[in-house]
Amino acid sequence: MQQYATLLSDQPLTAAELASRLGVPRSTVIRDLPLLEEHGILLFEDMKGRLYLFQRS
């Protein structure tokens, strides 16, 4: 799960881009998204489908 946070800390990515960089199917990324929250990795999705690490201001 930490791989997601590492990739998203550099720049926002779509689920398809994450899948490509992780070398897994997009469906795996979609399935893993709810698990990220359980591991304390909170995400924000913009209107274009890009995922960002959620940061409180």
Protein backbone atom coordinates (compact mmCIF):
# COMPACT_ATOMS: atom_id res chain seq x y z
CA MET A 1 0.00 0.00 0.00
CA GLN A 2 2.90 2.34 0.63
CA GLN A 3 3.75 2.19 -3.09
CA TYR A 4 0.57 4.13 -3.81
CA ALA A 5 1.52 6.90 -1.40
CA THR A 6 5.04 7.05 -2.78
CA LEU A 7 3.83 7.41 -6.37
CA LEU A 8 1.15 9.95 -5.48
CA SER A 9 3.50 12.05 -3.37
CA ASP A 10 5.30 13.14 -6.53
CA GLN A 11 2.26 14.05 -8.63
CA PRO A 12 -1.44 13.26 -9.02
CA LEU A 13 -2.21 10.21 -11.15
CA THR A 14 -5.30 8.52 -12.53
CA ALA A 15 -6.11 4.93 -11.63
CA ALA A 16 -4.90 3.87 -15.09
CA GLU A 17 -1.59 5.70 -14.62
CA LEU A 18 -1.13 4.14 -11.18
CA ALA A 19 -1.81 0.71 -12.63
CA SER A 20 0.74 1.24 -15.37
CA ARG A 21 3.43 2.37 -12.94
CA LEU A 22 2.70 -0.47 -10.54
CA GLY A 23 2.52 -3.06 -13.32
CA VAL A 24 -0.93 -4.26 -12.32
CA PRO A 25 -4.37 -4.19 -13.98
CA ARG A 26 -6.47 -1.05 -13.46
CA SER A 27 -9.08 -3.23 -11.73
CA THR A 28 -6.51 -4.04 -9.03
CA VAL A 29 -5.96 -0.34 -8.35
CA ILE A 30 -9.72 0.28 -8.19
CA ARG A 31 -10.13 -2.64 -5.78
CA ASP A 32 -7.24 -1.42 -3.62
CA LEU A 33 -8.48 2.17 -3.23
CA PRO A 34 -10.80 1.43 -0.26
CA LEU A 35 -7.99 -0.54 1.40
CA LEU A 36 -5.74 2.51 1.30
CA GLU A 37 -8.02 4.33 3.73
CA GLU A 38 -7.84 1.38 6.11
CA HIS A 39 -4.06 1.79 6.00
CA GLY A 40 -4.31 5.52 6.76
CA ILE A 41 -3.68 6.73 3.20
CA LEU A 42 -6.41 9.22 2.36
CA LEU A 43 -6.97 10.29 -1.23
CA PHE A 44 -8.80 13.09 -3.00
CA GLU A 45 -10.06 12.68 -6.58
CA ASP A 46 -10.46 15.74 -8.79
CA MET A 47 -12.99 16.22 -11.59
CA LYS A 48 -10.56 14.69 -14.13
CA GLY A 49 -10.14 11.49 -12.12
CA ARG A 50 -6.65 12.29 -10.85
CA LEU A 51 -5.87 11.05 -7.36
CA TYR A 52 -4.01 13.19 -4.83
CA LEU A 53 -2.84 12.42 -1.34
CA PHE A 54 -5.27 14.18 1.00
CA GLN A 55 -3.56 16.82 3.09
CA ARG A 56 -5.26 18.88 5.75
CA SER A 57 -4.59 22.57 5.47
